[in-house]
Amino acid sequence: MSLFNVFDVAGSGMSAQSVRLNVTSSNLANAESVSGSPATAYRARHPVFTAVLNSAMGDEAGSSVAVRVLDIVQNRTPAQGRYEPGNPLADKQGYVYLSNVNAVEEMANMISASRSYQSNVEVLNSVKQLMLRTLTIGQ
């Protein structure tokens, strides 16, 4: 793998972690939302990643692996009902339905995604420094 392929690998990792951060932010923003029915309650979303082999020239020498977002899936945990008969969104029985977002889990996801993003930035900076040093060898 050439050093130029490292830019593709780290860049795809940064892009994937950016999607993960955006989805986590959306989940946290809707963590306390309520709805009048379990069907319309906010469901936590999670990205699914896949590794993709990018092959240049059809051989392994010019290939690199990249990360792509395959899908964003919803958490299937049922919405929890809470008895609040005075709430304007309450159903006929007086229940509102909460989102199924676990704020602690989402904060852990946010920290993990942020650190993964930082690691990819460090990889890019290291490769950039190596390339700059390689250019100065002939001086």
C-alpha atoms as a PDB file:
ATOM      1  CA  MET A   1       0.000   0.000   0.000  1.00  0.00           C
ATOM      2  CA  SER A   2       1.404   3.387  -0.939  1.00  0.00           C
ATOM      3  CA  LEU A   3       1.348   6.368   1.350  1.00  0.00           C
ATOM      4  CA  PHE A   4      -1.241   7.996  -0.881  1.00  0.00           C
ATOM      5  CA  ASN A   5      -3.697   5.182  -0.095  1.00  0.00           C
ATOM      6  CA  VAL A   6      -3.404   6.051   3.594  1.00  0.00           C
ATOM      7  CA  PHE A   7      -5.126   9.355   2.836  1.00  0.00           C
ATOM      8  CA  ASP A   8      -8.088   7.454   1.352  1.00  0.00           C
ATOM      9  CA  VAL A   9      -8.288   5.057   4.298  1.00  0.00           C
ATOM     10  CA  ALA A  10      -8.055   7.746   6.976  1.00  0.00           C
ATOM     11  CA  GLY A  11     -10.395  10.043   5.059  1.00  0.00           C
ATOM     12  CA  SER A  12     -13.064   7.362   4.776  1.00  0.00           C
ATOM     13  CA  GLY A  13     -12.678   6.655   8.494  1.00  0.00           C
ATOM     14  CA  MET A  14     -13.144  10.340   9.294  1.00  0.00           C
ATOM     15  CA  SER A  15     -16.221  10.482   7.083  1.00  0.00           C
ATOM     16  CA  ALA A  16     -17.729   7.415   8.786  1.00  0.00           C
ATOM     17  CA  GLN A  17     -17.065   8.803  12.261  1.00  0.00           C
ATOM     18  CA  SER A  18     -18.586  12.117  11.204  1.00  0.00           C
ATOM     19  CA  VAL A  19     -21.793  10.286  10.260  1.00  0.00           C
ATOM     20  CA  ARG A  20     -21.667   8.468  13.598  1.00  0.00           C
ATOM     21  CA  LEU A  21     -21.307  11.779  15.459  1.00  0.00           C
ATOM     22  CA  ASN A  22     -24.225  13.311  13.545  1.00  0.00           C
ATOM     23  CA  VAL A  23     -26.499  10.340  14.251  1.00  0.00           C
ATOM     24  CA  THR A  24     -25.513  10.366  17.924  1.00  0.00           C
ATOM     25  CA  SER A  25     -26.198  14.103  18.133  1.00  0.00           C
ATOM     26  CA  SER A  26     -29.628  13.561  16.620  1.00  0.00           C
ATOM     27  CA  ASN A  27     -30.336  10.804  19.129  1.00  0.00           C
ATOM     28  CA  LEU A  28     -29.296  12.988  22.056  1.00  0.00           C
ATOM     29  CA  ALA A  29     -31.372  15.901  20.764  1.00  0.00           C
ATOM     30  CA  ASN A  30     -34.460  13.674  20.724  1.00  0.00           C
ATOM     31  CA  ALA A  31     -33.741  11.779  23.957  1.00  0.00           C
ATOM     32  CA  GLU A  32     -36.461  13.547  25.936  1.00  0.00           C
ATOM     33  CA  SER A  33     -39.051  13.809  23.176  1.00  0.00           C
ATOM     34  CA  VAL A  34     -42.516  12.388  23.768  1.00  0.00           C
ATOM     35  CA  SER A  35     -45.281  11.262  21.459  1.00  0.00           C
ATOM     36  CA  GLY A  36     -48.944  10.370  21.651  1.00  0.00           C
ATOM     37  CA  SER A  37     -48.481   6.825  20.341  1.00  0.00           C
ATOM     38  CA  PRO A  38     -45.752   4.183  20.443  1.00  0.00           C
ATOM     39  CA  ALA A  39     -45.662   4.108  16.630  1.00  0.00           C
ATOM     40  CA  THR A  40     -44.677   7.780  16.335  1.00  0.00           C
ATOM     41  CA  ALA A  41     -42.201   7.908  19.246  1.00  0.00           C
ATOM     42  CA  TYR A  42     -38.629   8.722  18.264  1.00  0.00           C
ATOM     43  CA  ARG A  43     -36.443   5.632  17.802  1.00  0.00           C
ATOM     44  CA  ALA A  44     -32.700   5.784  18.352  1.00  0.00           C
ATOM     45  CA  ARG A  45     -30.691   5.394  15.153  1.00  0.00           C
ATOM     46  CA  HIS A  46     -27.321   3.714  14.697  1.00  0.00           C
ATOM     47  CA  PRO A  47     -25.045   3.626  11.633  1.00  0.00           C
ATOM     48  CA  VAL A  48     -23.862   0.294  10.217  1.00  0.00           C
ATOM     49  CA  PHE A  49     -20.388   0.343   8.673  1.00  0.00           C
ATOM     50  CA  THR A  50     -18.767  -1.936   6.134  1.00  0.00           C
ATOM     51  CA  ALA A  51     -15.218  -2.302   4.860  1.00  0.00           C
ATOM     52  CA  VAL A  52     -14.812  -1.862   1.112  1.00  0.00           C
ATOM     53  CA  LEU A  53     -11.784  -2.965  -0.886  1.00  0.00           C
ATOM     54  CA  ASN A  54     -10.818  -0.295  -3.396  1.00  0.00           C
ATOM     55  CA  SER A  55      -8.694  -1.940  -6.055  1.00  0.00           C
ATOM     56  CA  ALA A  56      -6.685   0.158  -8.460  1.00  0.00           C
ATOM     57  CA  MET A  57      -5.408  -1.600 -11.598  1.00  0.00           C
ATOM     58  CA  GLY A  58      -7.094  -4.839 -10.529  1.00  0.00           C
ATOM     59  CA  ASP A  59      -4.235  -6.023  -8.334  1.00  0.00           C
ATOM     60  CA  GLU A  60      -3.572  -6.122  -4.616  1.00  0.00           C
ATOM     61  CA  ALA A  61      -0.546  -3.824  -4.805  1.00  0.00           C
ATOM     62  CA  GLY A  62      -2.720  -0.805  -5.545  1.00  0.00           C
ATOM     63  CA  SER A  63      -5.595  -1.664  -3.221  1.00  0.00           C
ATOM     64  CA  SER A  64      -6.771  -0.039  -0.072  1.00  0.00           C
ATOM     65  CA  VAL A  65      -9.566  -0.667   2.358  1.00  0.00           C
ATOM     66  CA  ALA A  66     -12.106   2.053   3.058  1.00  0.00           C
ATOM     67  CA  VAL A  67     -14.985   2.387   5.485  1.00  0.00           C
ATOM     68  CA  ARG A  68     -18.450   3.116   4.142  1.00  0.00           C
ATOM     69  CA  VAL A  69     -21.787   3.650   5.849  1.00  0.00           C
ATOM     70  CA  LEU A  70     -23.915   0.712   4.773  1.00  0.00           C
ATOM     71  CA  ASP A  71     -27.136   1.803   6.459  1.00  0.00           C
ATOM     72  CA  ILE A  72     -28.607   3.690   9.399  1.00  0.00           C
ATOM     73  CA  VAL A  73     -30.909   1.411  11.372  1.00  0.00           C
ATOM     74  CA  GLN A  74     -33.460   2.157  14.067  1.00  0.00           C
ATOM     75  CA  ASN A  75     -33.333   0.644  17.529  1.00  0.00           C
ATOM     76  CA  ARG A  76     -36.233  -1.779  17.897  1.00  0.00           C
ATOM     77  CA  THR A  77     -36.638  -1.425  21.656  1.00  0.00           C
ATOM     78  CA  PRO A  78     -40.284  -0.543  22.322  1.00  0.00           C
ATOM     79  CA  ALA A  79     -41.196   2.974  23.380  1.00  0.00           C
ATOM     80  CA  GLN A  80     -41.864   3.304  27.087  1.00  0.00           C
ATOM     81  CA  GLY A  81     -45.237   4.705  28.139  1.00  0.00           C
ATOM     82  CA  ARG A  82     -45.572   7.207  30.968  1.00  0.00           C
ATOM     83  CA  TYR A  83     -48.864   8.176  32.581  1.00  0.00           C
ATOM     84  CA  GLU A  84     -49.344  11.940  32.105  1.00  0.00           C
ATOM     85  CA  PRO A  85     -53.050  12.636  31.637  1.00  0.00           C
ATOM     86  CA  GLY A  86     -52.496  16.430  31.643  1.00  0.00           C
ATOM     87  CA  ASN A  87     -50.071  16.322  28.709  1.00  0.00           C
ATOM     88  CA  PRO A  88     -51.657  17.569  25.453  1.00  0.00           C
ATOM     89  CA  LEU A  89     -49.951  14.698  23.581  1.00  0.00           C
ATOM     90  CA  ALA A  90     -51.432  12.005  25.857  1.00  0.00           C
ATOM     91  CA  ASP A  91     -53.580   9.290  24.300  1.00  0.00           C
ATOM     92  CA  LYS A  92     -57.093   8.381  25.498  1.00  0.00           C
ATOM     93  CA  GLN A  93     -55.677   6.389  28.436  1.00  0.00           C
ATOM     94  CA  GLY A  94     -53.490   9.341  29.490  1.00  0.00           C
ATOM     95  CA  TYR A  95     -50.137   7.927  28.356  1.00  0.00           C
ATOM     96  CA  VAL A  96     -47.337   9.624  26.459  1.00  0.00           C
ATOM     97  CA  TYR A  97     -44.567   7.565  24.896  1.00  0.00           C
ATOM     98  CA  LEU A  98     -40.901   8.320  25.381  1.00  0.00           C
ATOM     99  CA  SER A  99     -38.099   7.830  22.898  1.00  0.00           C
ATOM    100  CA  ASN A 100     -35.951   4.742  23.363  1.00  0.00           C
ATOM    101  CA  VAL A 101     -32.680   6.716  23.433  1.00  0.00           C
ATOM    102  CA  ASN A 102     -30.250   5.725  26.177  1.00  0.00           C
ATOM    103  CA  ALA A 103     -28.347   8.953  26.914  1.00  0.00           C
ATOM    104  CA  VAL A 104     -25.449   7.168  28.660  1.00  0.00           C
ATOM    105  CA  GLU A 105     -24.943   4.839  25.692  1.00  0.00           C
ATOM    106  CA  GLU A 106     -25.109   7.771  23.288  1.00  0.00           C
ATOM    107  CA  MET A 107     -22.513   9.743  25.262  1.00  0.00           C
ATOM    108  CA  ALA A 108     -20.198   6.703  25.151  1.00  0.00           C
ATOM    109  CA  ASN A 109     -20.773   6.501  21.377  1.00  0.00           C
ATOM    110  CA  MET A 110     -19.991  10.187  21.043  1.00  0.00           C
ATOM    111  CA  ILE A 111     -16.713   9.871  22.964  1.00  0.00           C
ATOM    112  CA  SER A 112     -15.728   6.784  20.975  1.00  0.00           C
ATOM    113  CA  ALA A 113     -16.525   8.411  17.623  1.00  0.00           C
ATOM    114  CA  SER A 114     -14.669  11.572  18.598  1.00  0.00           C
ATOM    115  CA  ARG A 115     -11.556   9.619  19.585  1.00  0.00           C
ATOM    116  CA  SER A 116     -11.694   7.539  16.410  1.00  0.00           C
ATOM    117  CA  TYR A 117     -11.937  10.732  14.377  1.00  0.00           C
ATOM    118  CA  GLN A 118      -8.950  12.167  16.257  1.00  0.00           C
ATOM    119  CA  SER A 119      -6.951   8.993  15.592  1.00  0.00           C
ATOM    120  CA  ASN A 120      -7.583   9.314  11.862  1.00  0.00           C
ATOM    121  CA  VAL A 121      -6.482  12.952  11.959  1.00  0.00           C
ATOM    122  CA  GLU A 122      -3.259  11.861  13.683  1.00  0.00           C
ATOM    123  CA  VAL A 123      -2.676   9.249  10.967  1.00  0.00           C
ATOM    124  CA  LEU A 124      -3.080  11.935   8.300  1.00  0.00           C
ATOM    125  CA  ASN A 125      -0.692  14.276  10.102  1.00  0.00           C
ATOM    126  CA  SER A 126       1.907  11.513  10.508  1.00  0.00           C
ATOM    127  CA  VAL A 127       1.754  10.563   6.833  1.00  0.00           C
ATOM    128  CA  LYS A 128       1.990  14.217   5.842  1.00  0.00           C
ATOM    129  CA  GLN A 129       5.106  14.625   7.994  1.00  0.00           C
ATOM    130  CA  LEU A 130       6.648  11.452   6.505  1.00  0.00           C
ATOM    131  CA  MET A 131       6.021  12.722   2.984  1.00  0.00           C
ATOM    132  CA  LEU A 132       7.506  16.121   3.794  1.00  0.00           C
ATOM    133  CA  ARG A 133      10.600  14.493   5.285  1.00  0.00           C
ATOM    134  CA  THR A 134      10.924  12.268   2.219  1.00  0.00           C
ATOM    135  CA  LEU A 135      10.930  15.374   0.007  1.00  0.00           C
ATOM    136  CA  THR A 136      13.761  16.909   2.039  1.00  0.00           C
ATOM    137  CA  ILE A 137      16.042  13.849   1.774  1.00  0.00           C
ATOM    138  CA  GLY A 138      17.573  15.068  -1.485  1.00  0.00           C
ATOM    139  CA  GLN A 139      18.492  18.500  -0.150  1.00  0.00           C
END
